[in-house]
Amino acid sequence: IIYLILKGHNIVEIRTRAVESIVSKLEHGLLHEGDLVQEKQLMVRLLEWFNFDPSPKQQVILELLTRLTKHTSACDVLVSIGGVSFLTRLRSDIDSNLRPQIDVVVDRLLHVTDLDLRRANTADRRYLILQTSTSTPPIPTNLVSDPTIEISCLRFPGFLWHSLTGTDRHVLASTGASLCSPSPHLVRNACAFLLDVIFRDFPPEIFLQRPSIVQTLLTLISARPGGQLMTSGLECLQSLAEGLTSRLHFFQDPELYCPRQGGLCSASPSTAIEAGARCPEWNLSRTSHRDQRRRAQFDWREVEGMERDHQTSSSSGSTSTVHRNSTHSLSHGLNSGTWNSSTGDEIDVTALQRMQMTSPHFCLASLAATLPSMKTDSTRLALNILQAISPLIHLLGQTIRSDKLWTDTSTVAQSLRSQLSEILESVGDVVLYHYNMIWSKHEARMHRLVFQAMSALAIKLLQAVLPFEQAATELKICLSRALFVIACDEPMRMACVDQCEVAQSYLEQCNPDRYDVIMRLRKVSHSFTHTHMFFQDYKELTNNKKISIELVELAESSLDGLAYHCEVLHINNIVQVISKV
């Protein structure tokens, strides 16, 4: 059987049966993975499988490669025959549903040398830290989980840990303190500083690894619904979600992997990252990164001077962006307990890593904070929220595996499922709010716009997180009603046919009775349309004209709606047509 694979037989049925036989023998223990990992020609033929036309069983081949690449020997063989470049090119041409499996295989191939280094190191150090000119305590060993350990419900295992110097920590701490200021003006300027400088100067995963700023933004959005501060916070969340999506795509691109083990491509003059990591794209895409850092530090010194002027003179027209942390602002701010950074921030790395957020948790926490404010009469606020949560839903779909999420028994999956269930109900509640309320004519137009936009996002969220098979058990009452409303709404169907079809498919799984109502409704609606068409054709009918088959079919299909309009003239016309057949 292996010989048939090694030979690369031209008959597709023979190749297919050979592969299925190998997989079956592996599953039943008749063949061991160790028997295959050293077969170089087998690896070559498995890759060449995708060059055949037709090329069936692609998912089976990728699953076999995923299974074999758990062994370092197989990874070494695949790397030696150019497997990384082949799979990288294949990724752009293959079905999008298979790309995550390719990403897993490529990630293992790229980390094979890292794994060998870690095994060879007697101290079993998890990361090699590039020391910068500023003294930063090294990350203790055996604390950070291996990035190659996979959680089945996550598409992306997580970002590499970044160490920060004192200067970096001071900038982040001061910005976080400004967000807690009792002055709305300073809070707005802090948000502007985040958007214009901080989010451009730091990799976005920094704000998940040290989530104090994110938590403060979420508190700001929840505590100040409808105001300018909420809008500023939404803009920050949207920018961060878009940045994380960009970083996610970057880390999934093997072409940008940095294979050097002895040295690193530094993210910035004051940021250290792990050895063997990718060269950060925020450094590659900015040709004057050092100039940007100098500009940020200059703005910071200018801000501090303006803050001192602001404190000494009540008539000062300060245009400062953010201000230095103070005891007063922390004790009287919006949420003084939200920001807990200090100059010793990097000493207790274990505590920091326990506090960090994953991308899915960030998305769900942001949705939970913003969705309640969607029940508003302000169209502008509703559209601002929709604009902010759209990239969050996109990022969520990029980072989780919906087919594994609802069956995974890990703690992470259970936490995500719990949050998702509440958020899905909130989404359904918002959809029903903008659909069912009685508004004036002007208000109805505005709420109709929000209803359609929110309905489209609700369908997008469902497609990202919930397979059809799980809808029967996981969809609750509120969202089920919202799906029924979306599927029944004729203007919505005319504008967004695909979304209504998806809503109808989910409804079929979670509420078959209401699905039957929709099917009958569609049937009667089509009957009314055919009744109108029948009347038009019958008017053009003359005594000498022969009855067409199409007219008889229209008459037959129009009978389904007869019980709802009871038009006697229509019955007489049908009798006249049938009598002439």
Protein backbone atom coordinates (compact mmCIF):
# COMPACT_ATOMS: atom_id res chain seq x y z
CA ILE A 1 0.00 0.00 0.00
CA ILE A 2 2.79 2.39 0.92
CA TYR A 3 4.46 1.39 -2.35
CA LEU A 4 1.38 2.54 -4.27
CA ILE A 5 1.61 5.92 -2.58
CA LEU A 6 5.37 6.12 -3.09
CA LYS A 7 4.93 5.30 -6.75
CA GLY A 8 2.32 8.07 -7.16
CA HIS A 9 -0.12 5.97 -9.16
CA ASN A 10 -1.91 7.82 -11.98
CA ILE A 11 -5.27 6.15 -11.35
CA VAL A 12 -7.09 8.26 -8.81
CA GLU A 13 -9.14 5.38 -7.35
CA ILE A 14 -6.01 3.39 -6.56
CA ARG A 15 -4.30 6.34 -4.89
CA THR A 16 -7.45 7.11 -2.91
CA ARG A 17 -7.87 3.55 -1.66
CA ALA A 18 -4.19 3.39 -0.70
CA VAL A 19 -4.44 6.55 1.40
CA GLU A 20 -7.68 5.42 3.04
CA SER A 21 -6.07 2.08 3.87
CA ILE A 22 -3.07 3.76 5.51
CA VAL A 23 -5.31 6.02 7.59
CA SER A 24 -7.48 3.07 8.62
CA LYS A 25 -4.44 1.00 9.67
CA LEU A 26 -3.12 3.94 11.71
CA GLU A 27 -6.44 4.33 13.48
CA HIS A 28 -6.67 0.62 14.32
CA GLY A 29 -3.05 0.31 15.43
CA LEU A 30 -2.00 -2.01 12.60
CA LEU A 31 0.48 0.60 11.43
CA HIS A 32 2.43 3.06 13.57
CA GLU A 33 3.32 6.64 12.79
CA GLY A 34 6.95 5.81 13.50
CA ASP A 35 6.89 3.50 10.46
CA LEU A 36 6.04 6.42 8.19
CA VAL A 37 7.86 9.48 9.50
CA GLN A 38 11.21 8.42 7.99
CA GLU A 39 9.75 7.69 4.55
CA LYS A 40 11.02 10.63 2.54
CA GLN A 41 9.35 9.50 -0.67
CA LEU A 42 6.04 9.18 1.16
CA MET A 43 6.28 12.82 2.22
CA VAL A 44 7.09 13.83 -1.35
CA ARG A 45 4.09 11.92 -2.71
CA LEU A 46 1.77 13.35 -0.08
CA LEU A 47 2.71 16.85 -1.19
CA GLU A 48 2.50 15.89 -4.87
CA TRP A 49 -1.05 14.65 -4.22
CA PHE A 50 -2.27 18.23 -4.63
CA ASN A 51 -0.70 18.45 -8.10
CA PHE A 52 -2.92 15.70 -9.51
CA ASP A 53 -6.10 16.62 -11.33
CA PRO A 54 -8.52 15.65 -9.94
CA SER A 55 -7.21 15.80 -6.39
CA PRO A 56 -9.81 14.27 -4.03
CA LYS A 57 -9.41 13.56 -0.31
CA GLN A 58 -7.42 16.76 0.25
CA GLN A 59 -8.68 17.02 3.82
CA VAL A 60 -7.61 13.42 4.51
CA ILE A 61 -4.10 14.15 3.20
CA LEU A 62 -3.82 17.28 5.34
CA GLU A 63 -5.05 15.40 8.41
CA LEU A 64 -2.41 12.73 7.74
CA LEU A 65 0.28 15.41 7.41
CA THR A 66 -0.94 17.02 10.62
CA ARG A 67 -0.69 13.67 12.37
CA LEU A 68 2.79 12.91 11.05
CA THR A 69 4.21 16.37 11.78
CA LYS A 70 3.70 15.76 15.49
CA HIS A 71 7.01 13.92 15.12
CA THR A 72 10.19 15.94 14.68
CA SER A 73 11.54 13.41 12.16
CA ALA A 74 8.65 14.04 9.78
CA CYS A 75 9.07 17.80 10.18
CA ASP A 76 12.78 17.51 9.33
CA VAL A 77 11.98 15.52 6.20
CA LEU A 78 9.29 17.95 5.04
CA VAL A 79 11.55 20.96 5.65
CA SER A 80 14.38 19.32 3.70
CA ILE A 81 12.16 18.72 0.64
CA GLY A 82 10.78 22.27 0.60
CA GLY A 83 7.48 21.57 2.32
CA VAL A 84 7.20 25.08 3.78
CA SER A 85 7.36 26.89 0.43
CA PHE A 86 5.09 24.30 -1.23
CA LEU A 87 2.39 24.54 1.45
CA THR A 88 2.66 28.32 1.49
CA ARG A 89 1.90 28.51 -2.24
CA LEU A 90 -0.77 25.82 -1.90
CA ARG A 91 -2.57 27.82 0.82
CA SER A 92 -3.64 30.54 -1.63
CA ASP A 93 -5.10 28.01 -4.10
CA ILE A 94 -6.90 25.65 -1.74
CA ASP A 95 -10.37 25.77 -0.21
CA SER A 96 -10.52 28.29 2.64
CA ASN A 97 -11.88 25.61 5.01
CA LEU A 98 -8.62 23.67 4.65
CA ARG A 99 -6.30 26.62 5.26
CA PRO A 100 -6.29 26.27 9.08
CA GLN A 101 -4.91 22.73 8.72
CA ILE A 102 -2.17 24.00 6.42
CA ASP A 103 -1.39 26.71 8.97
CA VAL A 104 -0.96 24.06 11.69
CA VAL A 105 1.42 21.99 9.55
CA VAL A 106 3.47 25.01 8.46
CA ASP A 107 3.63 26.31 12.02
CA ARG A 108 5.06 22.99 13.19
CA LEU A 109 7.62 22.99 10.38
CA LEU A 110 8.71 26.52 11.24
CA HIS A 111 9.03 25.72 14.94
CA VAL A 112 10.83 22.41 14.59
CA THR A 113 14.23 24.02 15.20
CA ASP A 114 12.83 25.94 18.15
CA LEU A 115 11.60 22.68 19.68
CA ASP A 116 15.05 21.10 19.25
CA LEU A 117 16.65 24.09 20.95
CA ARG A 118 14.31 23.89 23.91
CA ARG A 119 14.88 20.16 24.34
CA ALA A 120 18.66 20.59 24.15
CA ASN A 121 18.73 23.38 26.71
CA THR A 122 19.41 21.84 30.11
CA ALA A 123 17.69 24.72 31.86
CA ASP A 124 14.62 24.11 29.65
CA ARG A 125 14.24 27.84 29.04
CA ARG A 126 11.01 28.62 27.26
CA TYR A 127 12.24 31.75 25.57
CA LEU A 128 15.55 33.39 24.71
CA ILE A 129 15.32 37.08 25.49
CA LEU A 130 17.27 39.65 23.54
CA GLN A 131 18.64 42.07 26.14
CA THR A 132 18.40 45.76 25.28
CA SER A 133 20.45 48.65 26.57
CA THR A 134 17.86 49.25 29.29
CA SER A 135 18.11 46.68 32.03
CA THR A 136 14.96 44.54 32.02
CA PRO A 137 14.55 41.53 34.33
CA PRO A 138 14.59 38.31 32.27
CA ILE A 139 11.46 36.19 32.01
CA PRO A 140 11.68 33.30 34.49
CA THR A 141 11.87 29.80 33.05
CA ASN A 142 9.09 27.22 32.93
CA LEU A 143 6.36 29.83 33.27
CA VAL A 144 5.10 30.49 29.77
CA SER A 145 3.13 27.72 28.13
CA ASP A 146 4.61 26.25 24.98
CA PRO A 147 3.19 28.14 21.97
CA THR A 148 2.92 24.88 20.04
CA ILE A 149 0.40 23.45 22.53
CA GLU A 150 -2.96 23.62 20.80
CA ILE A 151 -6.45 24.22 22.08
CA SER A 152 -8.78 22.61 19.57
CA CYS A 153 -11.37 25.40 19.64
CA LEU A 154 -8.82 28.13 18.78
CA ARG A 155 -7.49 28.73 15.28
CA PHE A 156 -4.59 30.79 16.60
CA PRO A 157 -2.78 29.65 19.79
CA GLY A 158 -1.75 33.16 20.84
CA PHE A 159 0.83 35.86 20.35
CA LEU A 160 4.42 35.63 21.55
CA TRP A 161 5.11 37.37 24.84
CA HIS A 162 6.65 40.86 24.69
CA SER A 163 8.83 42.28 27.44
CA LEU A 164 8.66 46.02 28.03
CA THR A 165 11.30 48.39 29.35
CA GLY A 166 10.73 51.05 31.96
CA THR A 167 10.09 53.71 29.33
CA ASP A 168 7.42 51.62 27.63
CA ARG A 169 5.74 50.85 30.93
CA HIS A 170 5.77 54.51 31.91
CA VAL A 171 4.06 55.52 28.67
CA LEU A 172 1.37 52.87 29.03
CA ALA A 173 0.85 53.59 32.73
CA SER A 174 0.48 57.33 32.13
CA THR A 175 -1.97 56.75 29.28
CA GLY A 176 -3.98 54.36 31.44
CA ALA A 177 -4.07 56.90 34.25
CA SER A 178 -5.30 59.58 31.87
CA LEU A 179 -8.17 57.34 30.81
CA CYS A 180 -9.20 57.25 34.49
CA SER A 181 -9.16 61.03 34.78
CA PRO A 182 -12.30 62.81 36.06
CA SER A 183 -11.85 65.36 33.27
CA PRO A 184 -13.77 64.33 30.11
CA HIS A 185 -11.46 66.56 28.07
CA LEU A 186 -8.36 64.68 29.21
CA VAL A 187 -10.05 61.31 28.67
CA ARG A 188 -10.94 62.26 25.09
CA ASN A 189 -7.38 63.43 24.49
CA ALA A 190 -6.07 60.19 25.97
CA CYS A 191 -8.18 58.22 23.51
CA ALA A 192 -6.89 60.41 20.68
CA PHE A 193 -3.32 59.79 21.86
CA LEU A 194 -3.99 56.04 21.82
CA LEU A 195 -5.26 56.22 18.24
CA ASP A 196 -2.61 58.58 16.88
CA VAL A 197 0.53 57.38 18.67
CA ILE A 198 0.28 54.42 21.06
CA PHE A 199 -1.54 52.02 18.74
CA ARG A 200 0.93 52.93 15.99
CA ASP A 201 4.02 52.59 18.17
CA PHE A 202 3.22 49.35 20.01
CA PRO A 203 2.18 45.97 18.59
CA PRO A 204 -1.54 45.51 19.34
CA GLU A 205 -1.07 42.25 21.25
CA ILE A 206 0.68 44.26 23.98
CA PHE A 207 -2.77 45.50 25.03
CA LEU A 208 -4.06 41.94 25.41
CA GLN A 209 -1.01 40.79 27.33
CA ARG A 210 -1.42 43.80 29.65
CA PRO A 211 -5.18 44.36 29.42
CA SER A 212 -5.53 47.27 31.84
CA ILE A 213 -6.06 49.84 29.07
CA VAL A 214 -8.61 47.57 27.35
CA GLN A 215 -10.47 47.05 30.63
CA THR A 216 -10.53 50.79 31.24
CA LEU A 217 -11.93 51.40 27.75
CA LEU A 218 -14.64 48.80 28.35
CA THR A 219 -15.52 50.42 31.67
CA LEU A 220 -15.61 53.80 29.96
CA ILE A 221 -18.04 52.50 27.33
CA SER A 222 -20.28 50.81 29.88
CA ALA A 223 -20.32 53.72 32.36
CA ARG A 224 -20.83 56.56 29.86
CA PRO A 225 -23.40 55.28 27.34
CA GLY A 226 -24.35 57.67 24.60
CA GLY A 227 -21.75 60.35 25.24
CA GLN A 228 -18.67 61.59 23.44
CA LEU A 229 -16.48 59.52 25.75
CA MET A 230 -18.22 56.37 24.61
CA THR A 231 -17.63 57.30 20.98
CA SER A 232 -13.93 57.83 21.69
CA GLY A 233 -13.75 54.47 23.45
CA LEU A 234 -15.49 52.76 20.53
CA GLU A 235 -12.98 54.21 18.10
CA CYS A 236 -10.14 52.80 20.22
CA LEU A 237 -11.71 49.34 20.35
CA GLN A 238 -12.31 49.37 16.61
CA SER A 239 -8.72 50.38 15.90
CA LEU A 240 -7.37 47.71 18.25
CA ALA A 241 -9.54 44.99 16.68
CA GLU A 242 -8.39 45.98 13.18
CA GLY A 243 -4.77 45.97 14.37
CA LEU A 244 -5.13 42.51 15.90
CA THR A 245 -6.68 41.20 12.69
CA SER A 246 -3.76 42.57 10.72
CA ARG A 247 -1.29 40.97 13.14
CA LEU A 248 -3.14 37.67 12.94
CA HIS A 249 -2.84 37.64 9.15
CA PHE A 250 0.82 38.55 9.49
CA PHE A 251 1.58 35.65 11.82
CA GLN A 252 -0.23 33.26 9.48
CA ASP A 253 2.03 34.21 6.57
CA PRO A 254 5.05 31.86 6.55
CA GLU A 255 6.89 34.14 4.12
CA LEU A 256 7.48 36.63 6.95
CA TYR A 257 8.87 34.12 9.46
CA CYS A 258 12.27 35.10 10.86
CA PRO A 259 14.35 31.90 11.15
CA ARG A 260 17.36 33.40 12.95
CA GLN A 261 18.02 31.84 16.36
CA GLY A 262 21.03 33.79 17.59
CA GLY A 263 19.66 37.25 17.05
CA LEU A 264 16.38 39.05 16.62
CA CYS A 265 14.89 41.73 14.45
CA SER A 266 13.96 44.20 17.14
CA ALA A 267 10.48 45.61 17.24
CA SER A 268 11.68 48.91 18.60
CA PRO A 269 14.69 50.30 20.51
CA SER A 270 12.98 49.45 23.79
CA THR A 271 10.96 46.30 23.09
CA ALA A 272 12.33 42.76 23.38
CA ILE A 273 10.69 39.68 21.95
CA GLU A 274 11.38 36.00 21.80
CA ALA A 275 14.02 34.35 19.67
CA GLY A 276 12.90 32.73 16.45
CA ALA A 277 9.90 35.05 16.23
CA ARG A 278 8.68 36.84 13.16
CA CYS A 279 10.06 40.22 12.23
CA PRO A 280 7.19 42.49 13.33
CA GLU A 281 5.35 44.11 10.49
CA TRP A 282 4.82 47.33 12.40
CA ASN A 283 8.60 47.68 12.08
CA LEU A 284 8.78 46.55 8.45
CA SER A 285 5.99 48.84 7.36
CA ARG A 286 7.40 51.92 9.07
CA THR A 287 10.68 53.06 7.57
CA SER A 288 11.21 55.69 10.25
CA HIS A 289 10.24 53.83 13.40
CA ARG A 290 12.91 55.54 15.48
CA ASP A 291 11.69 58.92 14.29
CA GLN A 292 8.17 57.90 15.32
CA ARG A 293 9.37 56.93 18.80
CA ARG A 294 11.25 60.25 19.13
CA ARG A 295 8.13 62.11 18.04
CA ALA A 296 6.03 60.23 20.59
CA GLN A 297 8.54 61.02 23.36
CA PHE A 298 8.61 64.67 22.31
CA ASP A 299 4.81 64.81 22.41
CA TRP A 300 4.90 63.20 25.84
CA ARG A 301 7.32 65.82 27.24
CA GLU A 302 5.19 68.53 25.71
CA VAL A 303 2.08 67.00 27.27
CA GLU A 304 3.70 66.90 30.70
CA GLY A 305 4.61 70.56 30.44
CA MET A 306 1.08 71.43 29.37
CA GLU A 307 -0.31 69.43 32.27
CA ARG A 308 1.77 71.40 34.75
CA ASP A 309 0.52 74.63 33.13
CA HIS A 310 -3.03 73.30 33.33
CA GLN A 311 -2.69 72.59 37.03
CA THR A 312 -1.23 76.02 37.84
CA SER A 313 -3.63 78.13 35.84
CA SER A 314 -7.38 77.61 35.51
CA SER A 315 -7.46 79.81 32.42
CA SER A 316 -4.94 77.73 30.51
CA GLY A 317 -6.08 76.70 27.03
CA SER A 318 -4.12 73.49 27.15
CA THR A 319 -4.38 71.26 24.12
CA SER A 320 -2.46 68.45 25.78
CA THR A 321 -3.13 64.92 24.70
CA VAL A 322 -2.65 63.01 27.94
CA HIS A 323 -1.27 63.81 31.40
CA ARG A 324 0.99 62.17 33.96
CA ASN A 325 -0.47 59.87 36.54
CA SER A 326 -1.42 61.52 39.81
CA THR A 327 -2.85 60.37 43.08
CA HIS A 328 -5.84 62.64 42.64
CA SER A 329 -6.79 61.27 39.24
CA LEU A 330 -6.45 57.67 40.37
CA SER A 331 -8.55 58.14 43.47
CA HIS A 332 -11.28 60.21 41.86
CA GLY A 333 -11.28 58.85 38.30
CA LEU A 334 -13.87 56.89 36.44
CA ASN A 335 -12.60 53.58 37.77
CA SER A 336 -9.56 53.94 39.95
CA GLY A 337 -9.18 50.19 40.36
CA THR A 338 -8.97 49.51 36.65
CA TRP A 339 -5.36 50.52 36.07
CA ASN A 340 -2.80 48.79 38.31
CA SER A 341 0.49 49.23 36.45
CA SER A 342 3.73 50.17 38.26
CA THR A 343 7.41 50.59 37.52
CA GLY A 344 7.97 47.01 38.67
CA ASP A 345 5.50 45.80 36.06
CA GLU A 346 7.81 43.25 34.43
CA ILE A 347 9.18 41.67 37.59
CA ASP A 348 6.29 39.30 38.26
CA VAL A 349 5.87 37.91 34.76
CA THR A 350 3.79 34.99 35.99
CA ALA A 351 1.11 37.28 37.37
CA LEU A 352 1.10 39.32 34.15
CA GLN A 353 0.63 36.26 31.99
CA ARG A 354 -2.23 35.03 34.14
CA MET A 355 -4.01 38.35 33.58
CA GLN A 356 -3.58 38.48 29.80
CA MET A 357 -6.56 38.16 27.46
CA THR A 358 -6.86 35.99 24.39
CA SER A 359 -8.21 37.51 21.19
CA PRO A 360 -11.59 35.69 21.47
CA HIS A 361 -12.02 36.85 25.08
CA PHE A 362 -11.21 40.40 24.02
CA CYS A 363 -13.84 40.25 21.29
CA LEU A 364 -16.50 38.81 23.58
CA ALA A 365 -15.76 41.26 26.40
CA SER A 366 -16.00 44.16 23.95
CA LEU A 367 -19.28 42.88 22.52
CA ALA A 368 -20.70 42.40 26.02
CA ALA A 369 -19.80 46.00 26.90
CA THR A 370 -21.16 47.61 23.72
CA LEU A 371 -24.32 45.65 22.85
CA PRO A 372 -26.50 46.96 25.71
CA SER A 373 -26.02 50.50 24.37
CA MET A 374 -27.47 49.41 21.01
CA LYS A 375 -30.96 49.74 22.53
CA THR A 376 -30.98 53.45 21.89
CA ASP A 377 -33.06 56.00 20.01
CA SER A 378 -29.92 57.69 18.65
CA THR A 379 -29.24 56.43 15.15
CA ARG A 380 -25.77 57.98 15.14
CA LEU A 381 -24.77 56.16 18.32
CA ALA A 382 -26.18 52.88 17.04
CA LEU A 383 -24.27 53.18 13.77
CA ASN A 384 -21.06 54.07 15.64
CA ILE A 385 -21.46 50.92 17.73
CA LEU A 386 -22.16 48.82 14.64
CA GLN A 387 -19.05 50.20 12.99
CA ALA A 388 -17.00 49.26 16.07
CA ILE A 389 -18.34 45.74 16.56
CA SER A 390 -18.04 44.69 12.92
CA PRO A 391 -14.23 44.17 13.08
CA LEU A 392 -14.69 42.47 16.47
CA ILE A 393 -16.98 39.87 14.90
CA HIS A 394 -14.55 39.42 12.02
CA LEU A 395 -11.64 38.92 14.42
CA LEU A 396 -13.68 36.47 16.49
CA GLY A 397 -14.40 34.38 13.42
CA GLN A 398 -10.70 34.38 12.53
CA THR A 399 -9.56 33.12 15.94
CA ILE A 400 -11.99 30.33 16.89
CA ARG A 401 -13.07 27.07 15.31
CA SER A 402 -16.83 27.01 15.50
CA ASP A 403 -16.98 23.31 14.69
CA LYS A 404 -14.82 22.47 17.74
CA LEU A 405 -15.94 25.19 20.16
CA TRP A 406 -19.23 23.60 21.23
CA THR A 407 -17.76 20.13 21.78
CA ASP A 408 -14.41 21.08 23.34
CA THR A 409 -14.29 20.26 27.07
CA SER A 410 -11.36 22.55 27.94
CA THR A 411 -11.74 25.40 30.41
CA VAL A 412 -11.10 27.95 27.65
CA ALA A 413 -13.90 26.54 25.50
CA GLN A 414 -16.33 26.44 28.40
CA SER A 415 -15.60 30.07 29.20
CA LEU A 416 -16.08 31.12 25.59
CA ARG A 417 -19.35 29.18 25.29
CA SER A 418 -20.73 30.81 28.42
CA GLN A 419 -19.98 34.31 27.17
CA LEU A 420 -21.19 33.55 23.67
CA SER A 421 -24.57 32.32 24.88
CA GLU A 422 -25.20 35.60 26.69
CA ILE A 423 -23.99 37.70 23.77
CA LEU A 424 -26.17 35.84 21.25
CA GLU A 425 -29.20 36.53 23.42
CA SER A 426 -28.22 40.21 23.65
CA VAL A 427 -27.95 40.36 19.87
CA GLY A 428 -31.44 38.88 19.50
CA ASP A 429 -32.79 41.36 22.06
CA VAL A 430 -31.34 44.32 20.12
CA VAL A 431 -32.78 43.08 16.82
CA LEU A 432 -36.25 42.73 18.34
CA TYR A 433 -36.00 46.14 20.02
CA HIS A 434 -35.48 47.96 16.72
CA TYR A 435 -38.16 45.86 14.99
CA ASN A 436 -41.07 45.68 17.42
CA MET A 437 -41.27 49.12 19.00
CA ILE A 438 -43.91 51.59 17.82
CA TRP A 439 -42.21 54.66 16.40
CA SER A 440 -43.20 57.81 14.60
CA LYS A 441 -42.76 57.88 10.83
CA HIS A 442 -39.36 59.58 11.03
CA GLU A 443 -38.15 57.37 13.88
CA ALA A 444 -39.35 54.25 12.07
CA ARG A 445 -37.04 54.98 9.12
CA MET A 446 -34.05 55.35 11.43
CA HIS A 447 -34.80 52.22 13.41
CA ARG A 448 -35.42 50.31 10.21
CA LEU A 449 -31.89 51.18 9.11
CA VAL A 450 -30.45 49.97 12.41
CA PHE A 451 -32.59 46.82 12.30
CA GLN A 452 -31.28 45.80 8.90
CA ALA A 453 -27.65 46.54 9.80
CA MET A 454 -27.93 44.71 13.12
CA SER A 455 -29.65 41.75 11.47
CA ALA A 456 -26.80 41.41 8.98
CA LEU A 457 -24.24 41.49 11.81
CA ALA A 458 -26.25 38.97 13.81
CA ILE A 459 -26.15 36.53 10.88
CA LYS A 460 -22.43 37.19 10.43
CA LEU A 461 -21.83 36.45 14.12
CA LEU A 462 -23.85 33.24 13.97
CA GLN A 463 -21.94 32.02 10.93
CA ALA A 464 -18.66 32.77 12.70
CA VAL A 465 -19.38 30.99 15.99
CA LEU A 466 -22.24 28.50 15.62
CA PRO A 467 -22.50 25.56 13.18
CA PHE A 468 -25.98 24.67 11.96
CA GLU A 469 -25.80 21.33 13.80
CA GLN A 470 -25.49 23.07 17.18
CA ALA A 471 -28.35 25.53 16.63
CA ALA A 472 -31.01 23.20 18.05
CA THR A 473 -29.32 23.04 21.45
CA GLU A 474 -27.50 26.38 21.74
CA LEU A 475 -29.90 29.00 20.37
CA LYS A 476 -32.12 30.46 23.06
CA ILE A 477 -35.60 32.00 22.83
CA CYS A 478 -34.67 35.62 22.14
CA LEU A 479 -32.36 34.99 19.20
CA SER A 480 -34.76 32.36 17.84
CA ARG A 481 -37.48 35.00 17.71
CA ALA A 482 -35.10 37.44 16.06
CA LEU A 483 -34.27 34.88 13.38
CA PHE A 484 -37.97 34.33 12.75
CA VAL A 485 -38.46 38.09 12.31
CA ILE A 486 -35.50 38.34 9.93
CA ALA A 487 -36.64 35.38 7.84
CA CYS A 488 -40.21 36.68 7.61
CA ASP A 489 -39.32 40.27 6.78
CA GLU A 490 -39.97 40.76 3.07
CA PRO A 491 -38.08 44.08 2.64
CA MET A 492 -35.11 42.47 4.39
CA ARG A 493 -35.34 39.51 2.03
CA MET A 494 -35.38 41.78 -1.00
CA ALA A 495 -32.33 43.71 0.23
CA CYS A 496 -30.31 40.86 1.80
CA VAL A 497 -31.37 37.55 0.29
CA ASP A 498 -28.36 35.58 1.56
CA GLN A 499 -28.77 36.70 5.17
CA CYS A 500 -32.43 35.74 5.17
CA GLU A 501 -31.65 32.30 3.76
CA VAL A 502 -29.06 31.75 6.51
CA ALA A 503 -31.56 32.90 9.17
CA GLN A 504 -34.09 30.47 7.73
CA SER A 505 -31.57 27.60 7.88
CA TYR A 506 -30.75 28.28 11.53
CA LEU A 507 -34.46 28.55 12.31
CA GLU A 508 -35.06 25.15 10.73
CA GLN A 509 -32.68 23.64 13.28
CA CYS A 510 -33.73 25.49 16.42
CA ASN A 511 -37.49 25.95 15.87
CA PRO A 512 -39.03 23.63 13.24
CA ASP A 513 -42.57 24.86 13.97
CA ARG A 514 -41.74 28.44 13.06
CA TYR A 515 -39.76 27.22 10.07
CA ASP A 516 -42.94 25.47 8.83
CA VAL A 517 -44.84 28.75 9.29
CA ILE A 518 -42.29 30.52 7.11
CA MET A 519 -42.50 27.84 4.45
CA ARG A 520 -46.29 28.16 4.34
CA LEU A 521 -45.95 31.92 4.26
CA ARG A 522 -43.58 31.74 1.32
CA LYS A 523 -45.93 29.37 -0.46
CA VAL A 524 -48.91 31.69 -0.01
CA SER A 525 -46.81 34.71 -1.00
CA HIS A 526 -45.77 33.00 -4.23
CA SER A 527 -49.40 32.02 -4.79
CA PHE A 528 -50.45 35.68 -4.59
CA THR A 529 -47.76 36.58 -7.11
CA HIS A 530 -48.93 33.84 -9.47
CA THR A 531 -52.56 34.95 -8.99
CA HIS A 532 -51.64 38.42 -10.21
CA MET A 533 -49.72 36.98 -13.16
CA PHE A 534 -52.71 34.75 -13.99
CA PHE A 535 -55.07 37.76 -14.04
CA GLN A 536 -52.73 39.64 -16.38
CA ASP A 537 -52.42 36.72 -18.82
CA TYR A 538 -56.16 35.97 -18.68
CA LYS A 539 -57.02 39.54 -19.70
CA GLU A 540 -54.93 39.11 -22.83
CA LEU A 541 -56.61 35.82 -23.64
CA THR A 542 -59.03 35.86 -26.60
CA ASN A 543 -61.60 33.31 -27.60
CA ASN A 544 -59.51 32.07 -30.49
CA LYS A 545 -56.28 31.89 -28.57
CA LYS A 546 -55.11 28.49 -27.46
CA ILE A 547 -54.65 27.89 -23.73
CA SER A 548 -50.94 27.57 -22.91
CA ILE A 549 -49.44 25.14 -20.43
CA GLU A 550 -47.89 28.08 -18.56
CA LEU A 551 -51.31 29.61 -17.92
CA VAL A 552 -52.62 26.30 -16.54
CA GLU A 553 -49.58 26.03 -14.25
CA LEU A 554 -50.18 29.59 -13.00
CA ALA A 555 -53.79 28.72 -12.27
CA GLU A 556 -52.74 25.64 -10.32
CA SER A 557 -50.07 27.41 -8.24
CA SER A 558 -52.42 30.30 -7.47
CA LEU A 559 -54.83 27.98 -5.64
CA ASP A 560 -52.65 27.92 -2.49
CA GLY A 561 -53.60 31.49 -1.65
CA LEU A 562 -57.29 31.18 -2.51
CA ALA A 563 -58.33 30.58 1.10
CA TYR A 564 -56.78 33.93 2.10
CA HIS A 565 -58.42 36.22 -0.48
CA CYS A 566 -61.54 34.19 -1.47
CA GLU A 567 -61.87 35.99 -4.80
CA VAL A 568 -64.88 34.49 -6.65
CA LEU A 569 -63.85 36.09 -9.96
CA HIS A 570 -60.55 34.25 -9.77
CA ILE A 571 -62.38 30.94 -9.37
CA ASN A 572 -64.57 31.69 -12.42
CA ASN A 573 -61.50 32.52 -14.50
CA ILE A 574 -59.80 29.27 -13.53
CA VAL A 575 -62.95 27.32 -14.48
CA GLN A 576 -63.02 29.09 -17.86
CA VAL A 577 -59.38 28.23 -18.53
CA ILE A 578 -59.76 24.59 -17.52
CA SER A 579 -62.89 24.18 -19.66
CA LYS A 580 -60.89 25.24 -22.75
CA VAL A 581 -57.99 22.87 -22.22
